[in-house]
Amino acid sequence: MKKFFFVTGLALFILACGNNAGSDKSAENNAAEEPKTIEEVDPNRGIGKFKNVEVSPELNKTMADAGHKIYDVKCSSCHKLSDERLVGPGWKDVTHRRTAEWIMNFSTNPDEMLDKDPEAQAMLEICLVRMPNQGLTDDDARNVYEFMRENDGVQ
């Protein structure tokens, strides 16, 4: 009976978070062969197509505003902008702890990251809930990253 309620609750959680699948080819040139084992995972990049994300020292306000809108719709039900954990970890100072590549790979490729990336697996052990794939495009992921930078005080 407990298993039924857990599975039902998890299904409702995933449905509530949405799954607007989409694809964006703008980062296709960053694609490379994926690591096959945990030993091959780059702890600074994770697993996914993002290998070298160009980030300006100054905030791109247009991108940050677009990322804020995505956060409000797809992320805020599980992540707070403080260091407080809700369902997932809080976002405060995340851009100081993780690279753009790692964050963008995790946000666009959460299933494989949770299966193979030791850092993502460590977060799963704390949060106990797998992050659902939100169907973010490459541009969505970059905009959310810029919003995270704004939340971390980049101007």
C-alpha atoms as a PDB file:
ATOM      1  CA  MET A   1       0.000   0.000   0.000  1.00  0.00           C
ATOM      2  CA  LYS A   2       2.869   2.385   0.820  1.00  0.00           C
ATOM      3  CA  LYS A   3       4.419   1.626  -2.555  1.00  0.00           C
ATOM      4  CA  PHE A   4       1.135   2.499  -4.285  1.00  0.00           C
ATOM      5  CA  PHE A   5       0.978   5.904  -2.571  1.00  0.00           C
ATOM      6  CA  PHE A   6       4.645   6.590  -3.313  1.00  0.00           C
ATOM      7  CA  VAL A   7       4.279   5.716  -7.010  1.00  0.00           C
ATOM      8  CA  THR A   8       1.037   7.699  -7.275  1.00  0.00           C
ATOM      9  CA  GLY A   9       2.605  10.713  -5.547  1.00  0.00           C
ATOM     10  CA  LEU A  10       5.676  10.541  -7.755  1.00  0.00           C
ATOM     11  CA  ALA A  11       3.512  10.356 -10.888  1.00  0.00           C
ATOM     12  CA  LEU A  12       1.519  13.406  -9.769  1.00  0.00           C
ATOM     13  CA  PHE A  13       4.751  15.264  -9.012  1.00  0.00           C
ATOM     14  CA  ILE A  14       6.127  14.549 -12.475  1.00  0.00           C
ATOM     15  CA  LEU A  15       2.874  15.568 -14.137  1.00  0.00           C
ATOM     16  CA  ALA A  16       2.736  18.783 -12.098  1.00  0.00           C
ATOM     17  CA  CYS A  17       6.249  19.704 -13.160  1.00  0.00           C
ATOM     18  CA  GLY A  18       5.379  19.328 -16.835  1.00  0.00           C
ATOM     19  CA  ASN A  19       7.214  17.768 -19.703  1.00  0.00           C
ATOM     20  CA  ASN A  20       7.266  20.202 -22.587  1.00  0.00           C
ATOM     21  CA  ALA A  21       9.662  18.273 -24.776  1.00  0.00           C
ATOM     22  CA  GLY A  22      11.488  20.338 -27.314  1.00  0.00           C
ATOM     23  CA  SER A  23      14.785  20.372 -29.057  1.00  0.00           C
ATOM     24  CA  ASP A  24      17.139  23.110 -29.968  1.00  0.00           C
ATOM     25  CA  LYS A  25      20.043  22.702 -32.338  1.00  0.00           C
ATOM     26  CA  SER A  26      21.957  25.820 -31.237  1.00  0.00           C
ATOM     27  CA  ALA A  27      24.475  23.819 -29.183  1.00  0.00           C
ATOM     28  CA  GLU A  28      24.757  20.933 -31.622  1.00  0.00           C
ATOM     29  CA  ASN A  29      28.341  21.943 -32.349  1.00  0.00           C
ATOM     30  CA  ASN A  30      29.169  21.155 -28.698  1.00  0.00           C
ATOM     31  CA  ALA A  31      28.104  17.526 -29.110  1.00  0.00           C
ATOM     32  CA  ALA A  32      30.692  14.806 -28.638  1.00  0.00           C
ATOM     33  CA  GLU A  33      30.761  11.116 -27.777  1.00  0.00           C
ATOM     34  CA  GLU A  34      29.219  10.530 -24.356  1.00  0.00           C
ATOM     35  CA  PRO A  35      31.170   8.900 -21.505  1.00  0.00           C
ATOM     36  CA  LYS A  36      30.312   5.244 -21.011  1.00  0.00           C
ATOM     37  CA  THR A  37      31.341   4.757 -17.372  1.00  0.00           C
ATOM     38  CA  ILE A  38      31.416   6.794 -14.188  1.00  0.00           C
ATOM     39  CA  GLU A  39      35.212   6.887 -14.391  1.00  0.00           C
ATOM     40  CA  GLU A  40      34.910   8.812 -17.682  1.00  0.00           C
ATOM     41  CA  VAL A  41      32.546  11.498 -16.320  1.00  0.00           C
ATOM     42  CA  ASP A  42      34.154  14.930 -16.168  1.00  0.00           C
ATOM     43  CA  PRO A  43      33.176  16.301 -12.734  1.00  0.00           C
ATOM     44  CA  ASN A  44      33.262  19.841 -14.119  1.00  0.00           C
ATOM     45  CA  ARG A  45      31.036  19.150 -17.120  1.00  0.00           C
ATOM     46  CA  GLY A  46      28.878  16.167 -16.278  1.00  0.00           C
ATOM     47  CA  ILE A  47      27.296  14.235 -19.129  1.00  0.00           C
ATOM     48  CA  GLY A  48      25.674  15.884 -22.104  1.00  0.00           C
ATOM     49  CA  LYS A  49      26.258  18.051 -25.132  1.00  0.00           C
ATOM     50  CA  PHE A  50      27.595  21.126 -23.339  1.00  0.00           C
ATOM     51  CA  LYS A  51      31.389  21.029 -23.404  1.00  0.00           C
ATOM     52  CA  ASN A  52      32.416  24.698 -23.557  1.00  0.00           C
ATOM     53  CA  VAL A  53      29.831  27.346 -22.649  1.00  0.00           C
ATOM     54  CA  GLU A  54      30.938  30.940 -23.213  1.00  0.00           C
ATOM     55  CA  VAL A  55      29.908  33.071 -20.218  1.00  0.00           C
ATOM     56  CA  SER A  56      30.509  36.809 -20.081  1.00  0.00           C
ATOM     57  CA  PRO A  57      31.627  38.341 -16.776  1.00  0.00           C
ATOM     58  CA  GLU A  58      28.628  40.686 -17.055  1.00  0.00           C
ATOM     59  CA  LEU A  59      25.046  39.509 -16.705  1.00  0.00           C
ATOM     60  CA  ASN A  60      22.916  39.249 -19.842  1.00  0.00           C
ATOM     61  CA  LYS A  61      19.704  40.734 -18.428  1.00  0.00           C
ATOM     62  CA  THR A  62      17.562  39.641 -21.398  1.00  0.00           C
ATOM     63  CA  MET A  63      18.622  36.022 -20.931  1.00  0.00           C
ATOM     64  CA  ALA A  64      18.225  36.251 -17.140  1.00  0.00           C
ATOM     65  CA  ASP A  65      14.672  37.605 -17.526  1.00  0.00           C
ATOM     66  CA  ALA A  66      13.808  34.753 -19.900  1.00  0.00           C
ATOM     67  CA  GLY A  67      15.355  32.290 -17.438  1.00  0.00           C
ATOM     68  CA  HIS A  68      13.307  33.774 -14.592  1.00  0.00           C
ATOM     69  CA  LYS A  69      10.114  33.071 -16.537  1.00  0.00           C
ATOM     70  CA  ILE A  70      11.203  29.455 -17.087  1.00  0.00           C
ATOM     71  CA  TYR A  71      12.083  29.151 -13.388  1.00  0.00           C
ATOM     72  CA  ASP A  72       8.614  30.406 -12.409  1.00  0.00           C
ATOM     73  CA  VAL A  73       6.884  27.809 -14.604  1.00  0.00           C
ATOM     74  CA  LYS A  74       9.145  24.759 -14.446  1.00  0.00           C
ATOM     75  CA  CYS A  75      11.528  25.051 -11.486  1.00  0.00           C
ATOM     76  CA  SER A  76      10.016  27.020  -8.594  1.00  0.00           C
ATOM     77  CA  SER A  77       7.799  24.177  -7.370  1.00  0.00           C
ATOM     78  CA  CYS A  78      10.940  22.216  -6.388  1.00  0.00           C
ATOM     79  CA  HIS A  79      13.755  24.786  -6.007  1.00  0.00           C
ATOM     80  CA  LYS A  80      13.979  27.885  -3.834  1.00  0.00           C
ATOM     81  CA  LEU A  81      16.275  30.772  -4.708  1.00  0.00           C
ATOM     82  CA  SER A  82      17.800  30.618  -1.221  1.00  0.00           C
ATOM     83  CA  ASP A  83      20.013  27.839   0.126  1.00  0.00           C
ATOM     84  CA  GLU A  84      16.937  26.124   1.578  1.00  0.00           C
ATOM     85  CA  ARG A  85      16.012  22.755   0.129  1.00  0.00           C
ATOM     86  CA  LEU A  86      12.417  22.280  -0.996  1.00  0.00           C
ATOM     87  CA  VAL A  87      12.107  19.080  -3.046  1.00  0.00           C
ATOM     88  CA  GLY A  88      15.408  19.775  -4.778  1.00  0.00           C
ATOM     89  CA  PRO A  89      18.333  21.817  -3.503  1.00  0.00           C
ATOM     90  CA  GLY A  90      18.165  25.592  -3.186  1.00  0.00           C
ATOM     91  CA  TRP A  91      19.859  27.592  -5.928  1.00  0.00           C
ATOM     92  CA  LYS A  92      21.796  30.120  -3.823  1.00  0.00           C
ATOM     93  CA  ASP A  93      25.459  30.202  -4.956  1.00  0.00           C
ATOM     94  CA  VAL A  94      24.974  27.241  -7.317  1.00  0.00           C
ATOM     95  CA  THR A  95      26.950  29.039 -10.040  1.00  0.00           C
ATOM     96  CA  HIS A  96      29.864  29.314  -7.617  1.00  0.00           C
ATOM     97  CA  ARG A  97      29.793  25.560  -6.945  1.00  0.00           C
ATOM     98  CA  ARG A  98      29.097  24.226 -10.459  1.00  0.00           C
ATOM     99  CA  THR A  99      30.194  25.150 -13.959  1.00  0.00           C
ATOM    100  CA  ALA A 100      27.809  26.345 -16.650  1.00  0.00           C
ATOM    101  CA  GLU A 101      28.442  23.091 -18.525  1.00  0.00           C
ATOM    102  CA  TRP A 102      27.521  20.909 -15.530  1.00  0.00           C
ATOM    103  CA  ILE A 103      24.356  22.873 -14.722  1.00  0.00           C
ATOM    104  CA  MET A 104      23.202  22.973 -18.340  1.00  0.00           C
ATOM    105  CA  ASN A 105      23.961  19.287 -18.890  1.00  0.00           C
ATOM    106  CA  PHE A 106      22.044  18.388 -15.729  1.00  0.00           C
ATOM    107  CA  SER A 107      19.057  20.549 -16.630  1.00  0.00           C
ATOM    108  CA  THR A 108      18.790  19.105 -20.158  1.00  0.00           C
ATOM    109  CA  ASN A 109      19.955  15.547 -19.424  1.00  0.00           C
ATOM    110  CA  PRO A 110      18.896  14.727 -15.836  1.00  0.00           C
ATOM    111  CA  ASP A 111      18.257  11.014 -16.322  1.00  0.00           C
ATOM    112  CA  GLU A 112      21.715  10.155 -17.613  1.00  0.00           C
ATOM    113  CA  MET A 113      23.367  12.537 -15.153  1.00  0.00           C
ATOM    114  CA  LEU A 114      21.560  10.880 -12.241  1.00  0.00           C
ATOM    115  CA  ASP A 115      22.526   7.448 -13.560  1.00  0.00           C
ATOM    116  CA  LYS A 116      26.227   8.181 -14.181  1.00  0.00           C
ATOM    117  CA  ASP A 117      27.454  11.434 -12.606  1.00  0.00           C
ATOM    118  CA  PRO A 118      28.756  10.993  -9.023  1.00  0.00           C
ATOM    119  CA  GLU A 119      27.886  14.589  -8.051  1.00  0.00           C
ATOM    120  CA  ALA A 120      24.316  14.237  -9.303  1.00  0.00           C
ATOM    121  CA  GLN A 121      24.025  10.885  -7.529  1.00  0.00           C
ATOM    122  CA  ALA A 122      25.199  12.473  -4.266  1.00  0.00           C
ATOM    123  CA  MET A 123      22.471  15.123  -4.580  1.00  0.00           C
ATOM    124  CA  LEU A 124      19.905  12.380  -5.208  1.00  0.00           C
ATOM    125  CA  GLU A 125      20.918  10.672  -1.973  1.00  0.00           C
ATOM    126  CA  ILE A 126      20.134  13.896  -0.103  1.00  0.00           C
ATOM    127  CA  CYS A 127      16.956  14.919  -1.970  1.00  0.00           C
ATOM    128  CA  LEU A 128      15.596  11.380  -2.530  1.00  0.00           C
ATOM    129  CA  VAL A 129      13.639  12.487  -5.622  1.00  0.00           C
ATOM    130  CA  ARG A 130      14.929  12.273  -9.183  1.00  0.00           C
ATOM    131  CA  MET A 131      14.681  15.527 -11.055  1.00  0.00           C
ATOM    132  CA  PRO A 132      12.193  15.049 -13.891  1.00  0.00           C
ATOM    133  CA  ASN A 133      13.202  15.948 -17.403  1.00  0.00           C
ATOM    134  CA  GLN A 134      11.556  19.322 -18.016  1.00  0.00           C
ATOM    135  CA  GLY A 135      12.191  19.239 -21.754  1.00  0.00           C
ATOM    136  CA  LEU A 136      14.353  22.369 -21.687  1.00  0.00           C
ATOM    137  CA  THR A 137      15.844  23.458 -24.984  1.00  0.00           C
ATOM    138  CA  ASP A 138      19.503  24.431 -25.139  1.00  0.00           C
ATOM    139  CA  ASP A 139      18.476  28.091 -25.135  1.00  0.00           C
ATOM    140  CA  ASP A 140      16.158  27.513 -22.154  1.00  0.00           C
ATOM    141  CA  ALA A 141      19.020  25.926 -20.223  1.00  0.00           C
ATOM    142  CA  ARG A 142      21.343  28.836 -21.019  1.00  0.00           C
ATOM    143  CA  ASN A 143      18.688  31.358 -19.981  1.00  0.00           C
ATOM    144  CA  VAL A 144      18.036  29.535 -16.695  1.00  0.00           C
ATOM    145  CA  TYR A 145      21.780  29.467 -16.042  1.00  0.00           C
ATOM    146  CA  GLU A 146      21.923  33.239 -16.595  1.00  0.00           C
ATOM    147  CA  PHE A 147      19.022  33.671 -14.149  1.00  0.00           C
ATOM    148  CA  MET A 148      20.958  31.553 -11.629  1.00  0.00           C
ATOM    149  CA  ARG A 149      23.933  33.910 -12.098  1.00  0.00           C
ATOM    150  CA  GLU A 150      21.661  36.884 -11.446  1.00  0.00           C
ATOM    151  CA  ASN A 151      20.366  35.153  -8.299  1.00  0.00           C
ATOM    152  CA  ASP A 152      24.006  34.714  -7.239  1.00  0.00           C
ATOM    153  CA  GLY A 153      24.659  38.449  -7.539  1.00  0.00           C
ATOM    154  CA  VAL A 154      26.236  38.809 -11.000  1.00  0.00           C
ATOM    155  CA  GLN A 155      25.441  42.223 -12.467  1.00  0.00           C
END
